């Protein structure tokens, strides 16, 4: 299963961004979303920002991830 995760853009340098989720930072490509601005939330998959999303969507996704992780396997 492939999964995109939401993260906040905390730094932009040319076509690369540093994003952060729960204290973890990663560098991702903005080649697919050149209009991304500092402070935006993006969905990240395979090292690429794929879509800009609002904070409400981020909260809903993180809540769903928490629910999934709470279930026994």
C-alpha atoms as a PDB file:
ATOM      1  CA  UNK A   1       0.000   0.000   0.000  1.00  0.00           C
ATOM      2  CA  UNK A   2       1.248   3.481  -0.852  1.00  0.00           C
ATOM      3  CA  UNK A   3       0.519   6.284   1.548  1.00  0.00           C
ATOM      4  CA  UNK A   4       0.993  10.038   1.343  1.00  0.00           C
ATOM      5  CA  UNK A   5       1.507  11.862   4.604  1.00  0.00           C
ATOM      6  CA  UNK A   6       0.721  15.501   5.432  1.00  0.00           C
ATOM      7  CA  UNK A   7       3.504  17.839   6.518  1.00  0.00           C
ATOM      8  CA  UNK A   8       4.036  21.559   7.039  1.00  0.00           C
ATOM      9  CA  UNK A   9       6.487  23.435   4.805  1.00  0.00           C
ATOM     10  CA  UNK A  10       9.023  25.099   7.117  1.00  0.00           C
ATOM     11  CA  UNK A  11      11.702  26.081   4.593  1.00  0.00           C
ATOM     12  CA  UNK A  12      11.897  26.545   0.834  1.00  0.00           C
ATOM     13  CA  UNK A  13      15.117  26.610  -1.148  1.00  0.00           C
ATOM     14  CA  UNK A  14      14.657  26.710  -4.916  1.00  0.00           C
ATOM     15  CA  UNK A  15      12.621  23.613  -5.879  1.00  0.00           C
ATOM     16  CA  UNK A  16      13.205  21.832  -2.557  1.00  0.00           C
ATOM     17  CA  UNK A  17      11.354  22.237   0.710  1.00  0.00           C
ATOM     18  CA  UNK A  18      11.947  21.136   4.245  1.00  0.00           C
ATOM     19  CA  UNK A  19       8.715  19.764   5.682  1.00  0.00           C
ATOM     20  CA  UNK A  20       7.925  18.811   9.246  1.00  0.00           C
ATOM     21  CA  UNK A  21       5.492  16.368  10.823  1.00  0.00           C
ATOM     22  CA  UNK A  22       5.503  15.709  14.569  1.00  0.00           C
ATOM     23  CA  UNK A  23       9.052  17.028  14.940  1.00  0.00           C
ATOM     24  CA  UNK A  24      10.494  15.000  12.061  1.00  0.00           C
ATOM     25  CA  UNK A  25      11.926  17.004   9.166  1.00  0.00           C
ATOM     26  CA  UNK A  26      12.480  15.803   5.616  1.00  0.00           C
ATOM     27  CA  UNK A  27      13.558  17.389   2.340  1.00  0.00           C
ATOM     28  CA  UNK A  28      11.053  17.018  -0.487  1.00  0.00           C
ATOM     29  CA  UNK A  29      10.814  18.149  -4.072  1.00  0.00           C
ATOM     30  CA  UNK A  30       8.428  20.944  -5.038  1.00  0.00           C
ATOM     31  CA  UNK A  31       8.765  20.233  -8.765  1.00  0.00           C
ATOM     32  CA  UNK A  32       5.088  19.202  -8.939  1.00  0.00           C
ATOM     33  CA  UNK A  33       3.885  22.132  -6.777  1.00  0.00           C
ATOM     34  CA  UNK A  34       6.000  25.196  -7.580  1.00  0.00           C
ATOM     35  CA  UNK A  35       3.262  27.461  -6.140  1.00  0.00           C
ATOM     36  CA  UNK A  36       3.843  26.112  -2.598  1.00  0.00           C
ATOM     37  CA  UNK A  37       4.471  28.781   0.036  1.00  0.00           C
ATOM     38  CA  UNK A  38       6.121  28.720   3.444  1.00  0.00           C
ATOM     39  CA  UNK A  39       3.588  27.514   6.021  1.00  0.00           C
ATOM     40  CA  UNK A  40       1.516  25.495   3.536  1.00  0.00           C
ATOM     41  CA  UNK A  41       0.594  21.916   4.353  1.00  0.00           C
ATOM     42  CA  UNK A  42       1.354  19.392   1.621  1.00  0.00           C
ATOM     43  CA  UNK A  43       0.813  15.702   1.030  1.00  0.00           C
ATOM     44  CA  UNK A  44       4.171  13.984   0.546  1.00  0.00           C
ATOM     45  CA  UNK A  45       4.748  10.725  -1.304  1.00  0.00           C
ATOM     46  CA  UNK A  46       8.051   9.245  -2.481  1.00  0.00           C
ATOM     47  CA  UNK A  47       9.933  12.464  -1.748  1.00  0.00           C
ATOM     48  CA  UNK A  48       7.558  14.732  -3.687  1.00  0.00           C
ATOM     49  CA  UNK A  49       4.991  17.229  -2.465  1.00  0.00           C
ATOM     50  CA  UNK A  50       1.890  16.064  -4.354  1.00  0.00           C
ATOM     51  CA  UNK A  51      -0.936  18.346  -3.193  1.00  0.00           C
ATOM     52  CA  UNK A  52      -1.510  21.393  -1.001  1.00  0.00           C
ATOM     53  CA  UNK A  53      -4.072  20.696   1.742  1.00  0.00           C
ATOM     54  CA  UNK A  54      -5.688  22.740   4.496  1.00  0.00           C
ATOM     55  CA  UNK A  55      -5.083  22.285   8.228  1.00  0.00           C
ATOM     56  CA  UNK A  56      -8.489  20.646   8.733  1.00  0.00           C
ATOM     57  CA  UNK A  57      -7.600  17.930   6.232  1.00  0.00           C
ATOM     58  CA  UNK A  58      -4.262  17.386   7.994  1.00  0.00           C
ATOM     59  CA  UNK A  59      -5.996  17.002  11.357  1.00  0.00           C
ATOM     60  CA  UNK A  60      -8.486  14.501   9.905  1.00  0.00           C
ATOM     61  CA  UNK A  61      -5.706  12.451   8.300  1.00  0.00           C
ATOM     62  CA  UNK A  62      -3.624  12.344  11.474  1.00  0.00           C
ATOM     63  CA  UNK A  63      -6.674  11.299  13.480  1.00  0.00           C
ATOM     64  CA  UNK A  64      -7.305   8.473  11.010  1.00  0.00           C
ATOM     65  CA  UNK A  65      -3.660   7.370  11.205  1.00  0.00           C
ATOM     66  CA  UNK A  66      -3.905   7.323  15.019  1.00  0.00           C
ATOM     67  CA  UNK A  67      -7.056   5.188  14.828  1.00  0.00           C
ATOM     68  CA  UNK A  68      -5.370   2.765  12.424  1.00  0.00           C
ATOM     69  CA  UNK A  69      -2.344   2.460  14.695  1.00  0.00           C
ATOM     70  CA  UNK A  70      -4.521   1.841  17.742  1.00  0.00           C
ATOM     71  CA  UNK A  71      -6.003  -1.365  16.322  1.00  0.00           C
ATOM     72  CA  UNK A  72      -4.254  -4.651  16.985  1.00  0.00           C
ATOM     73  CA  UNK A  73      -2.838  -6.417  13.987  1.00  0.00           C
END
